[in-house]
Protein backbone atom coordinates (compact mmCIF):
# COMPACT_ATOMS: atom_id res chain seq x y z
CA MET A 1 39.40 -28.96 -8.71
CA ILE A 2 36.72 -30.38 -6.48
CA GLY A 3 35.59 -33.95 -7.05
CA THR A 4 32.87 -35.03 -9.42
CA GLY A 5 29.31 -35.68 -8.32
CA ILE A 6 28.97 -32.46 -6.28
CA VAL A 7 25.46 -31.03 -6.40
CA GLU A 8 24.17 -27.58 -5.47
CA ASP A 9 20.60 -27.21 -4.30
CA MET A 10 18.49 -24.34 -3.00
CA ARG A 11 15.38 -25.15 -0.97
CA ASP A 12 12.93 -23.35 1.26
CA VAL A 13 13.89 -25.30 4.40
CA ASN A 14 16.49 -24.88 7.13
CA PRO A 15 19.63 -27.06 7.36
CA VAL A 16 18.33 -29.61 9.89
CA GLU A 17 15.07 -30.05 8.02
CA TYR A 18 17.01 -30.60 4.80
CA ILE A 19 19.38 -33.08 6.40
CA ARG A 20 16.56 -35.16 7.89
CA ALA A 21 14.39 -35.03 4.78
CA VAL A 22 17.18 -36.02 2.38
CA GLY A 23 19.01 -38.39 4.72
CA LEU A 24 22.22 -36.44 4.15
CA ARG A 25 25.45 -37.81 5.58
CA PRO A 26 27.88 -35.24 7.03
CA GLU A 27 30.84 -36.78 5.23
CA ASP A 28 29.13 -35.76 1.97
CA SER A 29 28.48 -32.13 2.96
CA TYR A 30 30.63 -29.11 2.10
CA GLY A 31 28.21 -26.81 3.92
CA PHE A 32 25.25 -24.47 3.45
CA LEU A 33 24.40 -20.76 3.38
CA PRO A 34 21.22 -18.77 4.05
CA LEU A 35 20.23 -16.57 1.14
CA GLN A 36 18.58 -13.92 3.30
CA LEU A 37 18.79 -12.85 6.91
CA LEU A 38 15.22 -13.83 7.80
CA SER A 39 15.08 -17.00 9.85
CA GLY A 40 12.59 -18.35 7.32
CA SER A 41 15.13 -17.90 4.53
CA SER A 42 15.84 -20.38 1.79
CA TYR A 43 19.20 -22.12 2.05
CA PHE A 44 21.85 -23.06 -0.46
CA PHE A 45 23.39 -26.54 -0.01
CA LEU A 46 26.54 -27.98 -1.57
CA TYR A 47 27.37 -31.67 -1.17
CA ARG A 48 28.41 -34.95 -2.78
CA ASP A 49 25.34 -36.48 -4.39
CA ARG A 50 23.91 -39.99 -4.05
CA PRO A 51 20.92 -41.54 -5.87
CA GLU A 52 18.87 -41.60 -2.68
CA TYR A 53 19.51 -37.87 -2.13
CA GLU A 54 18.34 -37.03 -5.64
CA GLN A 55 15.10 -38.88 -5.12
CA ALA A 56 14.39 -37.41 -1.68
CA ARG A 57 15.13 -33.75 -2.41
CA ALA A 58 12.66 -33.66 -5.30
CA ALA A 59 9.82 -33.58 -2.76
CA LEU A 60 11.19 -30.58 -0.84
CA PRO A 61 9.75 -27.12 -1.52
CA GLU A 62 11.81 -25.02 -3.86
CA SER A 63 12.21 -21.38 -3.02
CA GLU A 64 9.36 -19.42 -4.57
CA THR A 65 11.23 -16.16 -4.07
CA VAL A 66 13.86 -14.96 -6.54
CA LEU A 67 16.66 -13.84 -4.26
CA ASN A 68 19.46 -11.32 -4.63
CA PHE A 69 21.53 -12.73 -1.79
CA ASP A 70 20.52 -9.91 0.57
CA PHE A 71 22.12 -11.69 3.50
CA PHE A 72 25.60 -11.01 2.19
CA MET A 73 24.77 -7.45 1.29
CA GLY A 74 23.80 -6.88 4.92
CA SER A 75 20.43 -5.33 4.15
CA GLY A 76 18.30 -7.80 6.06
CA GLU A 77 15.38 -7.00 3.74
CA PRO A 78 13.47 -9.54 1.64
CA GLY A 79 13.83 -9.57 -2.11
CA ASP A 80 11.27 -7.77 -4.24
CA ASP A 81 9.69 -10.86 -5.74
CA GLU A 82 7.87 -12.50 -2.86
CA ILE A 83 5.73 -15.60 -2.90
CA SER A 84 2.44 -15.02 -4.66
CA PRO A 85 -0.56 -15.55 -2.36
CA ASP A 86 -2.22 -17.30 -5.29
CA SER A 87 0.56 -19.86 -5.67
CA TRP A 88 0.18 -23.35 -4.20
CA LEU A 89 2.75 -22.49 -1.54
CA GLY A 90 1.00 -19.28 -0.58
CA ARG A 91 -2.31 -21.12 -0.25
CA ARG A 92 -1.03 -24.11 1.73
CA ILE A 93 -1.40 -22.61 5.19
CA THR A 94 -3.60 -19.58 5.59
CA GLY A 95 -4.31 -20.34 9.22
CA LEU A 96 -0.83 -19.54 10.47
CA GLY A 97 -0.66 -16.13 8.83
CA ASP A 98 -4.19 -15.16 9.91
CA GLN A 99 -3.50 -16.37 13.41
CA ALA A 100 -0.27 -14.37 13.67
CA ALA A 101 -2.00 -11.23 12.36
CA ASP A 102 -4.86 -11.57 14.88
CA LEU A 103 -2.39 -12.08 17.69
CA ALA A 104 -0.36 -9.02 16.70
CA LYS A 105 -3.51 -6.89 16.46
CA SER A 106 -4.70 -8.01 19.88
CA TYR A 107 -1.34 -7.38 21.48
CA GLU A 108 -1.16 -3.75 20.38
CA GLY A 109 -3.69 -2.75 23.03
CA VAL A 110 -2.79 -5.28 25.69
CA TYR A 111 -0.29 -5.00 28.51
CA GLY A 112 1.08 -8.00 30.32
CA ALA A 113 1.25 -11.56 29.03
CA PRO A 114 0.19 -11.80 25.36
CA PRO A 115 -2.46 -14.32 24.27
CA GLN A 116 -1.17 -17.62 23.01
CA PRO A 117 -2.12 -18.83 19.52
CA GLU A 118 -4.22 -21.90 18.95
CA PRO A 119 -2.46 -24.90 17.40
CA VAL A 120 -2.16 -24.72 13.64
CA ASP A 121 -3.22 -27.72 11.59
CA LEU A 122 -0.25 -28.58 9.40
CA SER A 123 -1.58 -31.90 8.18
CA GLY A 124 -1.46 -32.77 4.53
CA PRO A 125 1.35 -32.71 1.99
CA ASN A 126 3.95 -29.93 1.94
CA PRO A 127 2.68 -27.96 4.97
CA VAL A 128 5.09 -25.06 4.60
CA ALA A 129 4.46 -21.40 5.22
CA SER A 130 4.69 -18.57 2.73
CA GLY A 131 7.11 -15.68 3.00
CA GLU A 132 4.28 -13.45 4.24
CA GLN A 133 3.44 -15.87 7.04
CA ILE A 134 7.08 -16.07 8.06
CA ALA A 135 7.17 -12.27 8.08
CA GLN A 136 4.22 -12.23 10.48
CA ILE A 137 6.13 -14.44 12.88
CA GLU A 138 9.17 -12.17 12.52
CA LYS A 139 6.92 -9.21 13.42
CA LEU A 140 5.66 -10.95 16.55
CA LYS A 141 9.25 -11.57 17.60
CA ALA A 142 10.18 -7.91 17.01
CA MET A 143 7.16 -6.76 19.03
CA GLY A 144 8.16 -8.93 21.96
CA VAL A 145 5.11 -11.18 21.69
CA LEU A 146 7.30 -14.24 21.17
CA ASP A 147 10.39 -15.09 23.19
CA ASP A 148 13.32 -16.84 21.49
CA GLU A 149 12.04 -20.34 22.20
CA ALA A 150 8.47 -19.64 21.04
CA TYR A 151 9.79 -17.87 17.97
CA ARG A 152 11.95 -20.83 16.94
CA ASP A 153 9.05 -23.20 17.60
CA MET A 154 6.68 -21.22 15.37
CA ILE A 155 9.23 -20.94 12.56
CA SER A 156 9.90 -24.66 12.79
CA LEU A 157 6.18 -25.44 12.91
CA ALA A 158 5.54 -23.25 9.90
CA LYS A 159 8.24 -25.09 8.01
CA GLY A 160 7.04 -28.56 8.98
CA GLY A 161 9.21 -29.07 12.06
CA GLU A 162 12.86 -30.02 12.50
CA ALA A 163 12.41 -32.93 14.89
CA GLY A 164 9.02 -34.23 13.73
CA PRO A 165 8.15 -36.81 11.08
CA LEU A 166 7.70 -34.15 8.36
CA PRO A 167 10.84 -31.98 8.24
CA GLY A 168 10.32 -29.33 5.59
CA GLY A 169 6.83 -30.69 5.02
CA VAL A 170 7.90 -34.05 3.60
CA GLN A 171 8.45 -37.47 5.11
CA ALA A 172 11.76 -37.77 6.93
CA ALA A 173 14.30 -40.11 5.37
CA ALA A 174 14.47 -43.51 7.01
CA PRO A 175 17.27 -43.28 9.58
CA ALA A 176 20.13 -45.74 9.64
CA GLN A 177 19.96 -48.30 12.40
CA ASP A 178 21.16 -46.69 15.64
CA ALA A 179 21.78 -43.40 13.82
CA PRO A 180 23.49 -40.91 16.18
CA PRO A 181 21.57 -37.69 16.85
CA ILE A 182 22.23 -34.40 15.11
CA VAL A 183 23.61 -31.62 17.31
CA VAL A 184 23.22 -27.90 16.69
CA ASP A 185 25.54 -25.98 19.01
CA ARG A 186 26.46 -22.33 19.39
CA LEU A 187 29.97 -21.88 18.10
CA TYR A 188 30.95 -18.37 19.15
CA PRO A 189 29.69 -15.14 20.70
CA GLY A 190 27.06 -13.00 19.12
CA LEU A 191 26.04 -9.42 18.63
CA HIS A 192 27.74 -7.87 21.66
CA SER A 193 30.91 -9.93 21.38
CA ARG A 194 31.81 -9.37 17.74
CA SER A 195 35.44 -9.05 16.83
CA SER A 196 37.02 -8.36 13.47
CA THR A 197 40.09 -10.34 14.50
CA SER A 198 38.45 -13.36 16.20
CA GLN A 199 35.91 -14.95 13.90
CA LEU A 200 35.63 -18.43 12.42
CA ASP A 201 39.41 -18.59 12.01
CA HIS A 202 39.73 -18.38 15.80
CA PHE A 203 36.73 -20.31 17.09
CA MET A 204 36.51 -23.26 14.71
CA PRO A 205 39.96 -24.70 15.56
CA SER A 206 39.31 -24.14 19.27
CA TYR A 207 35.91 -25.85 19.16
CA ARG A 208 37.33 -28.74 17.13
CA ASP A 209 40.09 -29.24 19.71
CA ALA A 210 37.70 -28.99 22.68
CA LEU A 211 35.53 -31.81 21.33
CA GLY A 212 37.98 -33.82 19.29
CA LEU A 213 35.52 -33.16 16.46
CA CYS A 214 36.01 -35.08 13.23
CA PRO A 215 35.25 -33.22 9.97
CA GLU A 216 33.51 -36.38 8.76
CA ASP A 217 30.81 -35.59 11.33
CA VAL A 218 30.31 -31.92 10.42
CA TYR A 219 27.45 -30.78 8.17
CA GLY A 220 28.30 -27.08 8.25
CA VAL A 221 27.95 -23.75 10.04
CA PHE A 222 25.12 -21.25 9.79
CA PRO A 223 24.14 -17.89 11.33
CA ARG A 224 21.04 -17.17 13.35
CA GLY A 225 19.41 -13.76 13.24
CA THR A 226 18.46 -11.31 15.92
CA HIS A 227 16.46 -8.09 16.01
CA SER A 228 18.36 -5.00 17.10
CA PRO A 229 16.01 -2.19 18.26
CA SER A 230 16.58 1.21 16.71
CA ARG A 231 16.34 4.28 18.92
CA GLY A 232 13.92 7.15 18.57
CA PRO A 233 10.15 7.61 18.42
CA GLY A 234 8.45 5.12 16.16
CA ALA A 235 11.75 3.44 15.28
CA GLN A 236 11.53 -0.08 13.90
CA SER A 237 13.78 -2.90 14.98
CA ARG A 238 16.08 -4.07 12.25
CA ALA A 239 17.26 -7.57 11.52
CA GLU A 240 20.92 -8.43 11.94
CA TRP A 241 22.65 -11.71 12.19
CA ASP A 242 23.90 -12.53 15.62
CA ASP A 243 26.02 -15.65 16.03
CA PHE A 244 27.00 -18.89 14.33
CA TRP A 245 25.90 -22.42 15.12
CA ILE A 246 27.60 -25.61 13.99
CA VAL A 247 25.66 -28.71 12.90
CA TYR A 248 27.17 -32.17 13.26
CA ARG A 249 26.56 -35.86 13.92
CA ASP A 250 27.02 -36.58 17.59
CA ARG A 251 29.26 -39.06 19.41
CA PRO A 252 29.26 -39.89 23.14
CA GLU A 253 32.76 -38.48 23.50
CA TYR A 254 31.67 -35.05 22.20
CA ALA A 255 29.42 -34.37 25.23
CA GLN A 256 32.28 -33.62 27.64
CA GLY A 257 33.89 -31.25 25.17
CA ARG A 258 30.61 -29.39 24.64
CA ALA A 259 30.24 -28.92 28.39
CA ALA A 260 33.76 -27.52 28.62
CA TRP A 261 33.08 -25.19 25.70
CA THR A 262 29.90 -23.87 27.34
CA THR A 263 31.81 -23.18 30.55
CA SER A 264 34.59 -21.36 28.71
CA MET A 265 32.06 -19.18 26.86
CA GLY A 266 30.09 -18.24 29.96
CA GLU A 267 27.73 -20.94 31.13
CA ALA A 268 25.10 -18.55 32.52
CA ARG A 269 24.36 -17.00 29.14
CA TRP A 270 25.25 -19.82 26.79
CA PRO A 271 22.30 -21.72 25.28
CA GLU A 272 22.13 -25.48 25.48
CA ALA A 273 22.97 -27.44 22.37
CA GLU A 274 19.95 -28.68 20.42
CA VAL A 275 19.83 -32.44 19.96
CA LEU A 276 17.63 -33.73 17.14
CA PRO A 277 16.91 -37.14 15.59
CA GLY A 278 19.69 -38.29 13.30
CA VAL A 279 19.54 -40.05 9.96
CA ALA A 280 23.12 -40.95 8.98
CA PRO A 281 24.95 -44.05 10.23
CA ALA A 282 27.81 -43.64 12.69
CA SER A 283 31.23 -43.00 11.19
CA ALA A 284 34.29 -45.17 11.72
CA ALA A 285 36.55 -42.12 11.34
CA ARG A 286 38.77 -41.27 14.28
CA PHE A 287 40.07 -37.92 15.46
CA ASP A 288 43.52 -37.47 13.94
CA GLY A 289 44.51 -34.07 15.34
CA ALA A 290 45.31 -32.77 11.86
CA ARG A 291 45.53 -29.02 11.44
CA VAL A 292 42.31 -27.07 10.87
CA GLU A 293 42.80 -24.60 8.04
CA VAL A 294 40.52 -21.53 7.98
CA GLU A 295 40.93 -19.04 5.16
CA LYS A 296 39.08 -15.82 4.43
CA ASP A 297 38.25 -15.00 0.85
CA ILE A 298 36.73 -11.88 -0.67
CA TRP A 299 33.27 -12.47 -2.02
CA PRO A 300 32.84 -11.07 -5.56
CA ARG A 301 30.19 -8.38 -5.18
CA GLU A 302 29.00 -8.73 -8.76
CA LYS A 303 27.88 -12.26 -7.97
CA LEU A 304 25.69 -11.12 -5.12
CA VAL A 305 23.39 -8.72 -6.91
CA MET A 306 22.52 -11.00 -9.82
CA ARG A 307 18.97 -12.26 -9.44
CA GLN A 308 19.65 -15.91 -10.02
CA LYS A 309 18.43 -19.05 -8.26
CA GLY A 310 21.78 -20.09 -6.88
CA SER A 311 23.76 -20.89 -10.04
CA ASN A 312 26.17 -17.96 -9.71
CA LEU A 313 26.59 -18.65 -6.01
CA GLY A 314 27.33 -22.29 -6.81
CA ASP A 315 29.88 -21.40 -9.48
CA SER A 316 31.69 -19.04 -7.12
CA LEU A 317 31.82 -21.58 -4.31
CA ARG A 318 33.02 -24.33 -6.64
CA GLU A 319 35.79 -22.05 -7.89
CA LYS A 320 36.95 -21.17 -4.39
CA LEU A 321 36.77 -24.74 -3.13
CA GLY A 322 38.60 -25.92 -6.22
CA ARG A 323 41.55 -23.65 -5.45
CA ARG A 324 41.77 -25.22 -1.99
CA SER A 325 41.38 -28.79 -3.26
CA TYR A 326 39.59 -30.48 -0.37
CA GLU A 327 36.69 -32.92 -0.38
CA PRO A 328 33.45 -32.85 1.66
CA ASP A 329 34.75 -35.29 4.27
CA ASP A 330 37.48 -32.75 5.14
CA SER A 331 35.10 -29.77 5.37
CA PHE A 332 34.11 -27.94 8.56
CA GLY A 333 31.77 -25.69 6.53
CA PHE A 334 31.88 -22.14 5.19
CA CYS A 335 30.25 -18.89 6.31
CA PRO A 336 30.38 -15.11 5.77
CA SER A 337 32.38 -12.82 8.02
CA PHE A 338 30.74 -10.42 10.47
CA GLY A 339 31.16 -7.63 7.90
CA ASN A 340 29.40 -9.72 5.23
CA ALA A 341 32.05 -8.76 2.69
CA SER A 342 34.14 -11.93 3.05
CA ILE A 343 33.58 -15.65 3.34
CA TYR A 344 35.48 -18.14 5.50
CA PHE A 345 36.30 -21.72 4.44
CA ALA A 346 37.28 -24.24 7.12
CA TRP A 347 38.74 -27.68 6.42
CA ARG A 348 41.18 -30.32 7.61
CA ARG A 349 44.63 -29.93 6.15
CA ARG A 350 45.94 -33.34 5.09
């Protein structure tokens, strides 16, 4: 059984935005999962609750799309029930979607450097983009109008910004005094380095050892998507997930380990870790060298096709975590396998 006071929540924000908006501490987090492949996907969060979390998360945008967990089915396509343009969320920012559409239209007949969009006014409460607006940004990325950095910036801007004062469109939680930053670092190779035998079970223990990473500092692991071009006349690029990134509270001693990890993975092609403002106080926990356990479990397919807002997903995760009997402060997160048919759980074995 897992401990009492564990809450499941599904919101239309990415993990860092959620962490900064709620003020979530990593020692309270089991992990998180995207519910679709699109980078603008809603996320499912599982963690130990506190009164201040309950109050803060109420302001975050709930997903306005009923999802069928397409990410795990490997389709990469949105669910059928998209955000209504007449809903408050669909009306919040029309400028971003119109701007993206104009830019895409202009680019079709232009060779060379594409025009850059004008800044979008995201002032006001809950400045978050609709699914249609996110899809426009995805289209620009697939067309080659946006490089990786510009694409991430536009997605973040549309969602209220990860590092700004309004993550997810709401006021960031007041940070603890001298709160360490949040780090988002690439954990293991992506699309062209996939291996059925070397996945999270191989890379998580190695990364932990390289940094001396404490599970009390880890929020979780999540995948980032890529667009793989299809061949043939008129072929469309299709969305696939590429690699996994780990999110954790930083410590000065982790920097040297990150540098060594980057070198071992191929420094020339390895992206720099993202460092963002933190919210949680520093932990007194110390690296104990305990064994990292990583187990693969089969995901029940019948749970994935039920059009629910996270309750079936939450029940399944609770059941699987309960069989392993570890608490959030021992968790290194959970994530699907490359084949999307299985899910990995990583934790410290006491």
